[in-house]
Amino acid sequence: MGDCLFCKIADKKISAKLVHEDDQTLAFDDINPQAPVHTLVIPKRHVASVHELDTGDESLLGQILLSCTKVARLKGLGEAGYRLVTNIGKDGGQTVAHLHFHILGGRHMTWPPG
């Protein structure tokens, strides 16, 4: 996707504060943090949202979730806890049409989120 912001970050055409990278995923700190720790984990392959995943994507989704837990540990969130969020579509609050998980932590999270 030529105009996708997160694809450009994954391709290293736009810089970001990288936290973790493996063969399928990339994690970087959010430029507009909503918590003391706010890191995004994306697949390097363009997928618009969780809604676009299908049979055959189990490995990718598993790797994304494993990357999320690794990043949470790297950020020191494992013991106190954290929130893991993915938004889907306009009404779900998705602002970048590339699958991404938000790792939010470093403070107490309230419910409902909004």
PDB file of N, CA and C in Angstrom:
ATOM      1  N   MET A   1       0.859  -1.181   0.000  1.00  0.00           N
ATOM      2  CA  MET A   1       0.000   0.000   0.000  1.00  0.00           C
ATOM      3  C   MET A   1       0.896   1.232   0.000  1.00  0.00           C
ATOM      4  N   GLY A   2       1.000   1.889  -1.112  1.00  0.00           N
ATOM      5  CA  GLY A   2       1.912   2.996  -1.302  1.00  0.00           C
ATOM      6  C   GLY A   2       1.731   4.188  -0.390  1.00  0.00           C
ATOM      7  N   ASP A   3       0.511   4.463   0.037  1.00  0.00           N
ATOM      8  CA  ASP A   3       0.272   5.645   0.850  1.00  0.00           C
ATOM      9  C   ASP A   3       0.006   5.318   2.320  1.00  0.00           C
ATOM     10  N   CYS A   4       0.211   4.082   2.735  1.00  0.00           N
ATOM     11  CA  CYS A   4      -0.053   3.657   4.109  1.00  0.00           C
ATOM     12  C   CYS A   4       1.098   4.091   5.027  1.00  0.00           C
ATOM     13  N   LEU A   5       0.769   4.883   6.027  1.00  0.00           N
ATOM     14  CA  LEU A   5       1.765   5.389   6.970  1.00  0.00           C
ATOM     15  C   LEU A   5       2.541   4.252   7.641  1.00  0.00           C
ATOM     16  N   PHE A   6       1.830   3.229   8.118  1.00  0.00           N
ATOM     17  CA  PHE A   6       2.510   2.156   8.828  1.00  0.00           C
ATOM     18  C   PHE A   6       3.326   1.272   7.894  1.00  0.00           C
ATOM     19  N   CYS A   7       2.919   1.129   6.635  1.00  0.00           N
ATOM     20  CA  CYS A   7       3.749   0.418   5.657  1.00  0.00           C
ATOM     21  C   CYS A   7       5.056   1.173   5.443  1.00  0.00           C
ATOM     22  N   LYS A   8       4.982   2.492   5.405  1.00  0.00           N
ATOM     23  CA  LYS A   8       6.197   3.300   5.235  1.00  0.00           C
ATOM     24  C   LYS A   8       7.117   3.159   6.436  1.00  0.00           C
ATOM     25  N   ILE A   9       6.545   3.061   7.634  1.00  0.00           N
ATOM     26  CA  ILE A   9       7.367   2.830   8.820  1.00  0.00           C
ATOM     27  C   ILE A   9       7.988   1.437   8.754  1.00  0.00           C
ATOM     28  N   ALA A  10       7.197   0.432   8.383  1.00  0.00           N
ATOM     29  CA  ALA A  10       7.711  -0.937   8.274  1.00  0.00           C
ATOM     30  C   ALA A  10       8.824  -1.044   7.233  1.00  0.00           C
ATOM     31  N   ASP A  11       8.713  -0.267   6.159  1.00  0.00           N
ATOM     32  CA  ASP A  11       9.723  -0.259   5.099  1.00  0.00           C
ATOM     33  C   ASP A  11      10.887   0.675   5.408  1.00  0.00           C
ATOM     34  N   LYS A  12      10.854   1.317   6.583  1.00  0.00           N
ATOM     35  CA  LYS A  12      11.903   2.249   7.046  1.00  0.00           C
ATOM     36  C   LYS A  12      12.011   3.496   6.157  1.00  0.00           C
ATOM     37  N   LYS A  13      10.901   3.855   5.495  1.00  0.00           N
ATOM     38  CA  LYS A  13      10.867   5.083   4.704  1.00  0.00           C
ATOM     39  C   LYS A  13      10.512   6.278   5.575  1.00  0.00           C
ATOM     40  N   ILE A  14       9.868   5.999   6.707  1.00  0.00           N
ATOM     41  CA  ILE A  14       9.567   7.001   7.729  1.00  0.00           C
ATOM     42  C   ILE A  14      10.150   6.477   9.025  1.00  0.00           C
ATOM     43  N   SER A  15      10.854   7.334   9.765  1.00  0.00           N
ATOM     44  CA  SER A  15      11.475   6.874  11.006  1.00  0.00           C
ATOM     45  C   SER A  15      10.462   6.836  12.143  1.00  0.00           C
ATOM     46  N   ALA A  16      10.732   5.953  13.071  1.00  0.00           N
ATOM     47  CA  ALA A  16       9.927   5.808  14.278  1.00  0.00           C
ATOM     48  C   ALA A  16      10.856   5.307  15.368  1.00  0.00           C
ATOM     49  N   LYS A  17      10.435   5.501  16.620  1.00  0.00           N
ATOM     50  CA  LYS A  17      11.227   5.010  17.742  1.00  0.00           C
ATOM     51  C   LYS A  17      10.927   3.522  17.921  1.00  0.00           C
ATOM     52  N   LEU A  18      11.773   2.696  17.304  1.00  0.00           N
ATOM     53  CA  LEU A  18      11.564   1.250  17.298  1.00  0.00           C
ATOM     54  C   LEU A  18      11.828   0.644  18.671  1.00  0.00           C
ATOM     55  N   VAL A  19      10.976  -0.297  19.029  1.00  0.00           N
ATOM     56  CA  VAL A  19      11.074  -0.992  20.305  1.00  0.00           C
ATOM     57  C   VAL A  19      11.414  -2.462  20.093  1.00  0.00           C
ATOM     58  N   HIS A  20      10.872  -3.043  19.030  1.00  0.00           N
ATOM     59  CA  HIS A  20      11.057  -4.468  18.749  1.00  0.00           C
ATOM     60  C   HIS A  20      10.823  -4.706  17.261  1.00  0.00           C
ATOM     61  N   GLU A  21      11.568  -5.679  16.719  1.00  0.00           N
ATOM     62  CA  GLU A  21      11.358  -6.078  15.333  1.00  0.00           C
ATOM     63  C   GLU A  21      11.701  -7.549  15.185  1.00  0.00           C
ATOM     64  N   ASP A  22      10.876  -8.262  14.421  1.00  0.00           N
ATOM     65  CA  ASP A  22      11.189  -9.627  14.031  1.00  0.00           C
ATOM     66  C   ASP A  22      10.817  -9.769  12.558  1.00  0.00           C
ATOM     67  N   ASP A  23      10.794 -10.984  12.050  1.00  0.00           N
ATOM     68  CA  ASP A  23      10.568 -11.158  10.621  1.00  0.00           C
ATOM     69  C   ASP A  23       9.159 -10.764  10.165  1.00  0.00           C
ATOM     70  N   GLN A  24       8.165 -10.789  11.079  1.00  0.00           N
ATOM     71  CA  GLN A  24       6.794 -10.483  10.685  1.00  0.00           C
ATOM     72  C   GLN A  24       6.209  -9.219  11.303  1.00  0.00           C
ATOM     73  N   THR A  25       6.814  -8.730  12.400  1.00  0.00           N
ATOM     74  CA  THR A  25       6.213  -7.595  13.115  1.00  0.00           C
ATOM     75  C   THR A  25       7.220  -6.504  13.420  1.00  0.00           C
ATOM     76  N   LEU A  26       6.663  -5.351  13.746  1.00  0.00           N
ATOM     77  CA  LEU A  26       7.453  -4.195  14.130  1.00  0.00           C
ATOM     78  C   LEU A  26       6.710  -3.488  15.251  1.00  0.00           C
ATOM     79  N   ALA A  27       7.432  -3.040  16.264  1.00  0.00           N
ATOM     80  CA  ALA A  27       6.829  -2.293  17.366  1.00  0.00           C
ATOM     81  C   ALA A  27       7.548  -0.953  17.504  1.00  0.00           C
ATOM     82  N   PHE A  28       6.753   0.089  17.722  1.00  0.00           N
ATOM     83  CA  PHE A  28       7.322   1.427  17.869  1.00  0.00           C
ATOM     84  C   PHE A  28       6.433   2.247  18.795  1.00  0.00           C
ATOM     85  N   ASP A  29       7.041   3.246  19.435  1.00  0.00           N
ATOM     86  CA  ASP A  29       6.293   4.091  20.350  1.00  0.00           C
ATOM     87  C   ASP A  29       5.359   5.019  19.584  1.00  0.00           C
ATOM     88  N   ASP A  30       4.158   5.191  20.136  1.00  0.00           N
ATOM     89  CA  ASP A  30       3.146   6.059  19.528  1.00  0.00           C
ATOM     90  C   ASP A  30       3.604   7.513  19.637  1.00  0.00           C
ATOM     91  N   ILE A  31       3.396   8.300  18.588  1.00  0.00           N
ATOM     92  CA  ILE A  31       3.800   9.707  18.614  1.00  0.00           C
ATOM     93  C   ILE A  31       2.822  10.586  19.384  1.00  0.00           C
ATOM     94  N   ASN A  32       1.645  10.049  19.722  1.00  0.00           N
ATOM     95  CA  ASN A  32       0.648  10.772  20.504  1.00  0.00           C
ATOM     96  C   ASN A  32       0.204   9.875  21.665  1.00  0.00           C
ATOM     97  N   PRO A  33       1.093   9.663  22.648  1.00  0.00           N
ATOM     98  CA  PRO A  33       0.801   8.683  23.688  1.00  0.00           C
ATOM     99  C   PRO A  33      -0.409   9.043  24.545  1.00  0.00           C
ATOM    100  N   GLN A  34      -1.203   8.009  24.845  1.00  0.00           N
ATOM    101  CA  GLN A  34      -2.389   8.157  25.676  1.00  0.00           C
ATOM    102  C   GLN A  34      -2.167   7.586  27.073  1.00  0.00           C
ATOM    103  N   ALA A  35      -0.966   7.141  27.357  1.00  0.00           N
ATOM    104  CA  ALA A  35      -0.570   6.598  28.651  1.00  0.00           C
ATOM    105  C   ALA A  35       0.945   6.764  28.755  1.00  0.00           C
ATOM    106  N   PRO A  36       1.500   6.624  29.960  1.00  0.00           N
ATOM    107  CA  PRO A  36       2.965   6.732  30.083  1.00  0.00           C
ATOM    108  C   PRO A  36       3.718   5.786  29.147  1.00  0.00           C
ATOM    109  N   VAL A  37       3.165   4.595  28.924  1.00  0.00           N
ATOM    110  CA  VAL A  37       3.701   3.674  27.917  1.00  0.00           C
ATOM    111  C   VAL A  37       2.614   3.489  26.872  1.00  0.00           C
ATOM    112  N   HIS A  38       2.938   3.778  25.621  1.00  0.00           N
ATOM    113  CA  HIS A  38       1.990   3.593  24.516  1.00  0.00           C
ATOM    114  C   HIS A  38       2.804   3.199  23.291  1.00  0.00           C
ATOM    115  N   THR A  39       2.800   1.905  23.032  1.00  0.00           N
ATOM    116  CA  THR A  39       3.571   1.343  21.928  1.00  0.00           C
ATOM    117  C   THR A  39       2.628   0.628  20.972  1.00  0.00           C
ATOM    118  N   LEU A  40       2.906   0.721  19.690  1.00  0.00           N
ATOM    119  CA  LEU A  40       2.108   0.055  18.661  1.00  0.00           C
ATOM    120  C   LEU A  40       2.870  -1.144  18.122  1.00  0.00           C
ATOM    121  N   VAL A  41       2.149  -2.227  17.882  1.00  0.00           N
ATOM    122  CA  VAL A  41       2.720  -3.418  17.242  1.00  0.00           C
ATOM    123  C   VAL A  41       1.944  -3.643  15.960  1.00  0.00           C
ATOM    124  N   ILE A  42       2.672  -3.727  14.839  1.00  0.00           N
ATOM    125  CA  ILE A  42       2.051  -3.897  13.526  1.00  0.00           C
ATOM    126  C   ILE A  42       2.640  -5.101  12.807  1.00  0.00           C
ATOM    127  N   PRO A  43       1.863  -5.692  11.898  1.00  0.00           N
ATOM    128  CA  PRO A  43       2.484  -6.667  10.994  1.00  0.00           C
ATOM    129  C   PRO A  43       3.229  -5.893   9.905  1.00  0.00           C
ATOM    130  N   LYS A  44       4.338  -6.423   9.441  1.00  0.00           N
ATOM    131  CA  LYS A  44       5.053  -5.770   8.352  1.00  0.00           C
ATOM    132  C   LYS A  44       4.262  -5.861   7.056  1.00  0.00           C
ATOM    133  N   ARG A  45       3.503  -6.925   6.900  1.00  0.00           N
ATOM    134  CA  ARG A  45       2.630  -7.086   5.729  1.00  0.00           C
ATOM    135  C   ARG A  45       1.382  -6.241   5.937  1.00  0.00           C
ATOM    136  N   HIS A  46       0.943  -5.571   4.894  1.00  0.00           N
ATOM    137  CA  HIS A  46      -0.247  -4.740   5.022  1.00  0.00           C
ATOM    138  C   HIS A  46      -1.502  -5.596   5.188  1.00  0.00           C
ATOM    139  N   VAL A  47      -2.188  -5.350   6.290  1.00  0.00           N
ATOM    140  CA  VAL A  47      -3.506  -5.902   6.579  1.00  0.00           C
ATOM    141  C   VAL A  47      -4.274  -4.724   7.146  1.00  0.00           C
ATOM    142  N   ALA A  48      -5.459  -4.445   6.613  1.00  0.00           N
ATOM    143  CA  ALA A  48      -6.193  -3.249   7.033  1.00  0.00           C
ATOM    144  C   ALA A  48      -6.621  -3.304   8.498  1.00  0.00           C
ATOM    145  N   SER A  49      -7.136  -4.439   8.958  1.00  0.00           N
ATOM    146  CA  SER A  49      -7.589  -4.574  10.346  1.00  0.00           C
ATOM    147  C   SER A  49      -7.780  -6.051  10.661  1.00  0.00           C
ATOM    148  N   VAL A  50      -8.105  -6.353  11.905  1.00  0.00           N
ATOM    149  CA  VAL A  50      -8.400  -7.732  12.301  1.00  0.00           C
ATOM    150  C   VAL A  50      -9.537  -8.285  11.449  1.00  0.00           C
ATOM    151  N   HIS A  51     -10.452  -7.425  11.081  1.00  0.00           N
ATOM    152  CA  HIS A  51     -11.609  -7.833  10.279  1.00  0.00           C
ATOM    153  C   HIS A  51     -11.198  -8.430   8.933  1.00  0.00           C
ATOM    154  N   GLU A  52     -10.021  -8.086   8.437  1.00  0.00           N
ATOM    155  CA  GLU A  52      -9.536  -8.576   7.146  1.00  0.00           C
ATOM    156  C   GLU A  52      -8.823  -9.915   7.252  1.00  0.00           C
ATOM    157  N   LEU A  53      -8.513 -10.363   8.467  1.00  0.00           N
ATOM    158  CA  LEU A  53      -7.811 -11.630   8.635  1.00  0.00           C
ATOM    159  C   LEU A  53      -8.724 -12.795   8.279  1.00  0.00           C
ATOM    160  N   ASP A  54      -8.118 -13.876   7.826  1.00  0.00           N
ATOM    161  CA  ASP A  54      -8.892 -15.034   7.399  1.00  0.00           C
ATOM    162  C   ASP A  54      -8.099 -16.301   7.720  1.00  0.00           C
ATOM    163  N   THR A  55      -8.658 -17.439   7.389  1.00  0.00           N
ATOM    164  CA  THR A  55      -7.949 -18.702   7.545  1.00  0.00           C
ATOM    165  C   THR A  55      -6.609 -18.593   6.817  1.00  0.00           C
ATOM    166  N   GLY A  56      -5.578 -19.004   7.475  1.00  0.00           N
ATOM    167  CA  GLY A  56      -4.231 -18.874   6.920  1.00  0.00           C
ATOM    168  C   GLY A  56      -3.438 -17.770   7.598  1.00  0.00           C
ATOM    169  N   ASP A  57      -4.127 -16.897   8.342  1.00  0.00           N
ATOM    170  CA  ASP A  57      -3.457 -15.798   9.039  1.00  0.00           C
ATOM    171  C   ASP A  57      -3.205 -16.098  10.514  1.00  0.00           C
ATOM    172  N   GLU A  58      -3.467 -17.342  10.933  1.00  0.00           N
ATOM    173  CA  GLU A  58      -3.305 -17.695  12.343  1.00  0.00           C
ATOM    174  C   GLU A  58      -1.876 -17.461  12.823  1.00  0.00           C
ATOM    175  N   SER A  59      -0.914 -17.826  12.015  1.00  0.00           N
ATOM    176  CA  SER A  59       0.486 -17.662  12.395  1.00  0.00           C
ATOM    177  C   SER A  59       0.845 -16.186  12.562  1.00  0.00           C
ATOM    178  N   LEU A  60       0.376 -15.356  11.645  1.00  0.00           N
ATOM    179  CA  LEU A  60       0.648 -13.925  11.738  1.00  0.00           C
ATOM    180  C   LEU A  60       0.032 -13.342  13.007  1.00  0.00           C
ATOM    181  N   LEU A  61      -1.219 -13.661  13.266  1.00  0.00           N
ATOM    182  CA  LEU A  61      -1.881 -13.131  14.453  1.00  0.00           C
ATOM    183  C   LEU A  61      -1.187 -13.626  15.721  1.00  0.00           C
ATOM    184  N   GLY A  62      -0.786 -14.881  15.733  1.00  0.00           N
ATOM    185  CA  GLY A  62      -0.043 -15.403  16.876  1.00  0.00           C
ATOM    186  C   GLY A  62       1.264 -14.661  17.089  1.00  0.00           C
ATOM    187  N   GLN A  63       1.975 -14.384  16.007  1.00  0.00           N
ATOM    188  CA  GLN A  63       3.243 -13.655  16.116  1.00  0.00           C
ATOM    189  C   GLN A  63       3.020 -12.239  16.612  1.00  0.00           C
ATOM    190  N   ILE A  64       1.960 -11.590  16.153  1.00  0.00           N
ATOM    191  CA  ILE A  64       1.650 -10.233  16.629  1.00  0.00           C
ATOM    192  C   ILE A  64       1.425 -10.259  18.139  1.00  0.00           C
ATOM    193  N   LEU A  65       0.619 -11.204  18.613  1.00  0.00           N
ATOM    194  CA  LEU A  65       0.339 -11.280  20.053  1.00  0.00           C
ATOM    195  C   LEU A  65       1.588 -11.608  20.858  1.00  0.00           C
ATOM    196  N   LEU A  66       2.435 -12.491  20.346  1.00  0.00           N
ATOM    197  CA  LEU A  66       3.697 -12.773  21.033  1.00  0.00           C
ATOM    198  C   LEU A  66       4.589 -11.537  21.070  1.00  0.00           C
ATOM    199  N   SER A  67       4.595 -10.769  19.992  1.00  0.00           N
ATOM    200  CA  SER A  67       5.366  -9.522  19.973  1.00  0.00           C
ATOM    201  C   SER A  67       4.819  -8.535  21.001  1.00  0.00           C
ATOM    202  N   CYS A  68       3.498  -8.495  21.136  1.00  0.00           N
ATOM    203  CA  CYS A  68       2.884  -7.608  22.133  1.00  0.00           C
ATOM    204  C   CYS A  68       3.352  -7.968  23.539  1.00  0.00           C
ATOM    205  N   THR A  69       3.362  -9.253  23.869  1.00  0.00           N
ATOM    206  CA  THR A  69       3.789  -9.639  25.220  1.00  0.00           C
ATOM    207  C   THR A  69       5.283  -9.378  25.421  1.00  0.00           C
ATOM    208  N   LYS A  70       6.071  -9.569  24.375  1.00  0.00           N
ATOM    209  CA  LYS A  70       7.502  -9.279  24.483  1.00  0.00           C
ATOM    210  C   LYS A  70       7.733  -7.791  24.741  1.00  0.00           C
ATOM    211  N   VAL A  71       7.026  -6.946  24.001  1.00  0.00           N
ATOM    212  CA  VAL A  71       7.158  -5.494  24.180  1.00  0.00           C
ATOM    213  C   VAL A  71       6.702  -5.084  25.580  1.00  0.00           C
ATOM    214  N   ALA A  72       5.591  -5.657  26.048  1.00  0.00           N
ATOM    215  CA  ALA A  72       5.110  -5.337  27.395  1.00  0.00           C
ATOM    216  C   ALA A  72       6.173  -5.674  28.442  1.00  0.00           C
ATOM    217  N   ARG A  73       6.839  -6.806  28.276  1.00  0.00           N
ATOM    218  CA  ARG A  73       7.919  -7.171  29.198  1.00  0.00           C
ATOM    219  C   ARG A  73       9.081  -6.187  29.093  1.00  0.00           C
ATOM    220  N   LEU A  74       9.470  -5.847  27.845  1.00  0.00           N
ATOM    221  CA  LEU A  74      10.568  -4.894  27.643  1.00  0.00           C
ATOM    222  C   LEU A  74      10.273  -3.542  28.288  1.00  0.00           C
ATOM    223  N   LYS A  75       9.010  -3.160  28.281  1.00  0.00           N
ATOM    224  CA  LYS A  75       8.589  -1.872  28.845  1.00  0.00           C
ATOM    225  C   LYS A  75       8.299  -1.961  30.347  1.00  0.00           C
ATOM    226  N   GLY A  76       8.464  -3.146  30.931  1.00  0.00           N
ATOM    227  CA  GLY A  76       8.268  -3.316  32.362  1.00  0.00           C
ATOM    228  C   GLY A  76       6.825  -3.350  32.816  1.00  0.00           C
ATOM    229  N   LEU A  77       5.925  -3.792  31.938  1.00  0.00           N
ATOM    230  CA  LEU A  77       4.496  -3.762  32.250  1.00  0.00           C
ATOM    231  C   LEU A  77       3.930  -5.089  32.743  1.00  0.00           C
ATOM    232  N   GLY A  78       4.693  -6.147  32.667  1.00  0.00           N
ATOM    233  CA  GLY A  78       4.171  -7.474  32.953  1.00  0.00           C
ATOM    234  C   GLY A  78       3.534  -7.640  34.319  1.00  0.00           C
ATOM    235  N   GLU A  79       4.178  -7.147  35.359  1.00  0.00           N
ATOM    236  CA  GLU A  79       3.674  -7.369  36.714  1.00  0.00           C
ATOM    237  C   GLU A  79       2.456  -6.500  37.031  1.00  0.00           C
ATOM    238  N   ALA A  80       2.510  -5.223  36.736  1.00  0.00           N
ATOM    239  CA  ALA A  80       1.404  -4.313  37.067  1.00  0.00           C
ATOM    240  C   ALA A  80       0.228  -4.470  36.108  1.00  0.00           C
ATOM    241  N   GLY A  81       0.500  -4.895  34.887  1.00  0.00           N
ATOM    242  CA  GLY A  81      -0.549  -5.070  33.895  1.00  0.00           C
ATOM    243  C   GLY A  81      -0.569  -3.962  32.859  1.00  0.00           C
ATOM    244  N   TYR A  82      -1.345  -4.192  31.830  1.00  0.00           N
ATOM    245  CA  TYR A  82      -1.429  -3.250  30.718  1.00  0.00           C
ATOM    246  C   TYR A  82      -2.690  -3.538  29.940  1.00  0.00           C
ATOM    247  N   ARG A  83      -3.001  -2.646  29.015  1.00  0.00           N
ATOM    248  CA  ARG A  83      -4.158  -2.838  28.140  1.00  0.00           C
ATOM    249  C   ARG A  83      -3.642  -3.075  26.728  1.00  0.00           C
ATOM    250  N   LEU A  84      -4.267  -4.032  26.050  1.00  0.00           N
ATOM    251  CA  LEU A  84      -3.962  -4.357  24.664  1.00  0.00           C
ATOM    252  C   LEU A  84      -5.224  -4.095  23.865  1.00  0.00           C
ATOM    253  N   VAL A  85      -5.124  -3.205  22.855  1.00  0.00           N
ATOM    254  CA  VAL A  85      -6.301  -2.749  22.114  1.00  0.00           C
ATOM    255  C   VAL A  85      -6.016  -2.764  20.626  1.00  0.00           C
ATOM    256  N   THR A  86      -7.018  -3.183  19.847  1.00  0.00           N
ATOM    257  CA  THR A  86      -6.992  -2.943  18.406  1.00  0.00           C
ATOM    258  C   THR A  86      -8.338  -2.359  18.021  1.00  0.00           C
ATOM    259  N   ASN A  87      -8.314  -1.308  17.253  1.00  0.00           N
ATOM    260  CA  ASN A  87      -9.528  -0.654  16.784  1.00  0.00           C
ATOM    261  C   ASN A  87      -9.826  -1.128  15.370  1.00  0.00           C
ATOM    262  N   ILE A  88     -11.119  -1.245  15.050  1.00  0.00           N
ATOM    263  CA  ILE A  88     -11.522  -1.753  13.744  1.00  0.00           C
ATOM    264  C   ILE A  88     -12.526  -0.795  13.129  1.00  0.00           C
ATOM    265  N   GLY A  89     -12.136  -0.179  12.021  1.00  0.00           N
ATOM    266  CA  GLY A  89     -13.033   0.702  11.281  1.00  0.00           C
ATOM    267  C   GLY A  89     -13.267   2.047  11.955  1.00  0.00           C
ATOM    268  N   LYS A  90     -13.941   2.901  11.239  1.00  0.00           N
ATOM    269  CA  LYS A  90     -14.195   4.276  11.687  1.00  0.00           C
ATOM    270  C   LYS A  90     -14.918   4.330  13.030  1.00  0.00           C
ATOM    271  N   ASP A  91     -16.014   3.586  13.162  1.00  0.00           N
ATOM    272  CA  ASP A  91     -16.770   3.617  14.408  1.00  0.00           C
ATOM    273  C   ASP A  91     -16.008   2.975  15.568  1.00  0.00           C
ATOM    274  N   GLY A  92     -15.043   2.120  15.258  1.00  0.00           N
ATOM    275  CA  GLY A  92     -14.206   1.515  16.287  1.00  0.00           C
ATOM    276  C   GLY A  92     -13.037   2.390  16.693  1.00  0.00           C
ATOM    277  N   GLY A  93     -12.871   3.532  16.008  1.00  0.00           N
ATOM    278  CA  GLY A  93     -11.798   4.458  16.354  1.00  0.00           C
ATOM    279  C   GLY A  93     -10.498   4.231  15.600  1.00  0.00           C
ATOM    280  N   GLN A  94     -10.521   3.416  14.547  1.00  0.00           N
ATOM    281  CA  GLN A  94      -9.296   3.166  13.783  1.00  0.00           C
ATOM    282  C   GLN A  94      -8.989   4.372  12.913  1.00  0.00           C
ATOM    283  N   THR A  95      -7.789   4.945  13.080  1.00  0.00           N
ATOM    284  CA  THR A  95      -7.397   6.129  12.315  1.00  0.00           C
ATOM    285  C   THR A  95      -6.360   5.830  11.238  1.00  0.00           C
ATOM    286  N   VAL A  96      -5.678   4.693  11.346  1.00  0.00           N
ATOM    287  CA  VAL A  96      -4.727   4.261  10.311  1.00  0.00           C
ATOM    288  C   VAL A  96      -5.192   2.883   9.853  1.00  0.00           C
ATOM    289  N   ALA A  97      -5.464   2.747   8.560  1.00  0.00           N
ATOM    290  CA  ALA A  97      -6.004   1.498   8.009  1.00  0.00           C
ATOM    291  C   ALA A  97      -4.910   0.463   7.785  1.00  0.00           C
ATOM    292  N   HIS A  98      -4.217   0.135   8.859  1.00  0.00           N
ATOM    293  CA  HIS A  98      -3.203  -0.917   8.880  1.00  0.00           C
ATOM    294  C   HIS A  98      -3.334  -1.543  10.263  1.00  0.00           C
ATOM    295  N   LEU A  99      -3.520  -2.848  10.318  1.00  0.00           N
ATOM    296  CA  LEU A  99      -3.688  -3.536  11.590  1.00  0.00           C
ATOM    297  C   LEU A  99      -2.603  -3.125  12.577  1.00  0.00           C
ATOM    298  N   HIS A 100      -3.023  -2.732  13.761  1.00  0.00           N
ATOM    299  CA  HIS A 100      -2.072  -2.406  14.817  1.00  0.00           C
ATOM    300  C   HIS A 100      -2.712  -2.621  16.177  1.00  0.00           C
ATOM    301  N   PHE A 101      -1.887  -3.050  17.106  1.00  0.00           N
ATOM    302  CA  PHE A 101      -2.294  -3.230  18.489  1.00  0.00           C
ATOM    303  C   PHE A 101      -1.619  -2.151  19.319  1.00  0.00           C
ATOM    304  N   HIS A 102      -2.396  -1.521  20.186  1.00  0.00           N
ATOM    305  CA  HIS A 102      -1.879  -0.546  21.133  1.00  0.00           C
ATOM    306  C   HIS A 102      -1.556  -1.271  22.425  1.00  0.00           C
ATOM    307  N   ILE A 103      -0.361  -1.073  22.937  1.00  0.00           N
ATOM    308  CA  ILE A 103       0.008  -1.541  24.271  1.00  0.00           C
ATOM    309  C   ILE A 103       0.038  -0.288  25.138  1.00  0.00           C
ATOM    310  N   LEU A 104      -0.880  -0.225  26.093  1.00  0.00           N
ATOM    311  CA  LEU A 104      -1.016   0.944  26.967  1.00  0.00           C
ATOM    312  C   LEU A 104      -0.748   0.528  28.399  1.00  0.00           C
ATOM    313  N   GLY A 105       0.095   1.276  29.094  1.00  0.00           N
ATOM    314  CA  GLY A 105       0.392   0.924  30.471  1.00  0.00           C
ATOM    315  C   GLY A 105       1.105   2.039  31.195  1.00  0.00           C
ATOM    316  N   GLY A 106       1.517   1.726  32.396  1.00  0.00           N
ATOM    317  CA  GLY A 106       2.208   2.711  33.218  1.00  0.00           C
ATOM    318  C   GLY A 106       1.261   3.522  34.089  1.00  0.00           C
ATOM    319  N   ARG A 107      -0.030   3.218  34.040  1.00  0.00           N
ATOM    320  CA  ARG A 107      -1.035   3.848  34.894  1.00  0.00           C
ATOM    321  C   ARG A 107      -2.224   2.913  34.982  1.00  0.00           C
ATOM    322  N   HIS A 108      -3.124   3.182  35.925  1.00  0.00           N
ATOM    323  CA  HIS A 108      -4.338   2.390  36.062  1.00  0.00           C
ATOM    324  C   HIS A 108      -5.289   2.725  34.913  1.00  0.00           C
ATOM    325  N   MET A 109      -5.830   1.713  34.278  1.00  0.00           N
ATOM    326  CA  MET A 109      -6.787   1.893  33.183  1.00  0.00           C
ATOM    327  C   MET A 109      -8.201   1.819  33.734  1.00  0.00           C
ATOM    328  N   THR A 110      -9.063   2.683  33.229  1.00  0.00           N
ATOM    329  CA  THR A 110     -10.454   2.668  33.668  1.00  0.00           C
ATOM    330  C   THR A 110     -11.321   1.960  32.648  1.00  0.00           C
ATOM    331  N   TRP A 111     -12.543   1.612  33.048  1.00  0.00           N
ATOM    332  CA  TRP A 111     -13.491   0.958  32.165  1.00  0.00           C
ATOM    333  C   TRP A 111     -14.849   1.560  32.396  1.00  0.00           C
ATOM    334  N   PRO A 112     -15.650   1.847  31.401  1.00  0.00           N
ATOM    335  CA  PRO A 112     -15.362   1.608  29.977  1.00  0.00           C
ATOM    336  C   PRO A 112     -14.375   2.635  29.439  1.00  0.00           C
ATOM    337  N   PRO A 113     -13.677   2.270  28.362  1.00  0.00           N
ATOM    338  CA  PRO A 113     -12.631   3.139  27.834  1.00  0.00           C
ATOM    339  C   PRO A 113     -13.133   4.382  27.116  1.00  0.00           C
ATOM    340  N   GLY A 114     -14.362   4.410  26.628  1.00  0.00           N
ATOM    341  CA  GLY A 114     -14.840   5.623  25.970  1.00  0.00           C
ATOM    342  C   GLY A 114     -15.735   5.390  24.818  1.00  0.00           C
TER     343      GLY A 114
END
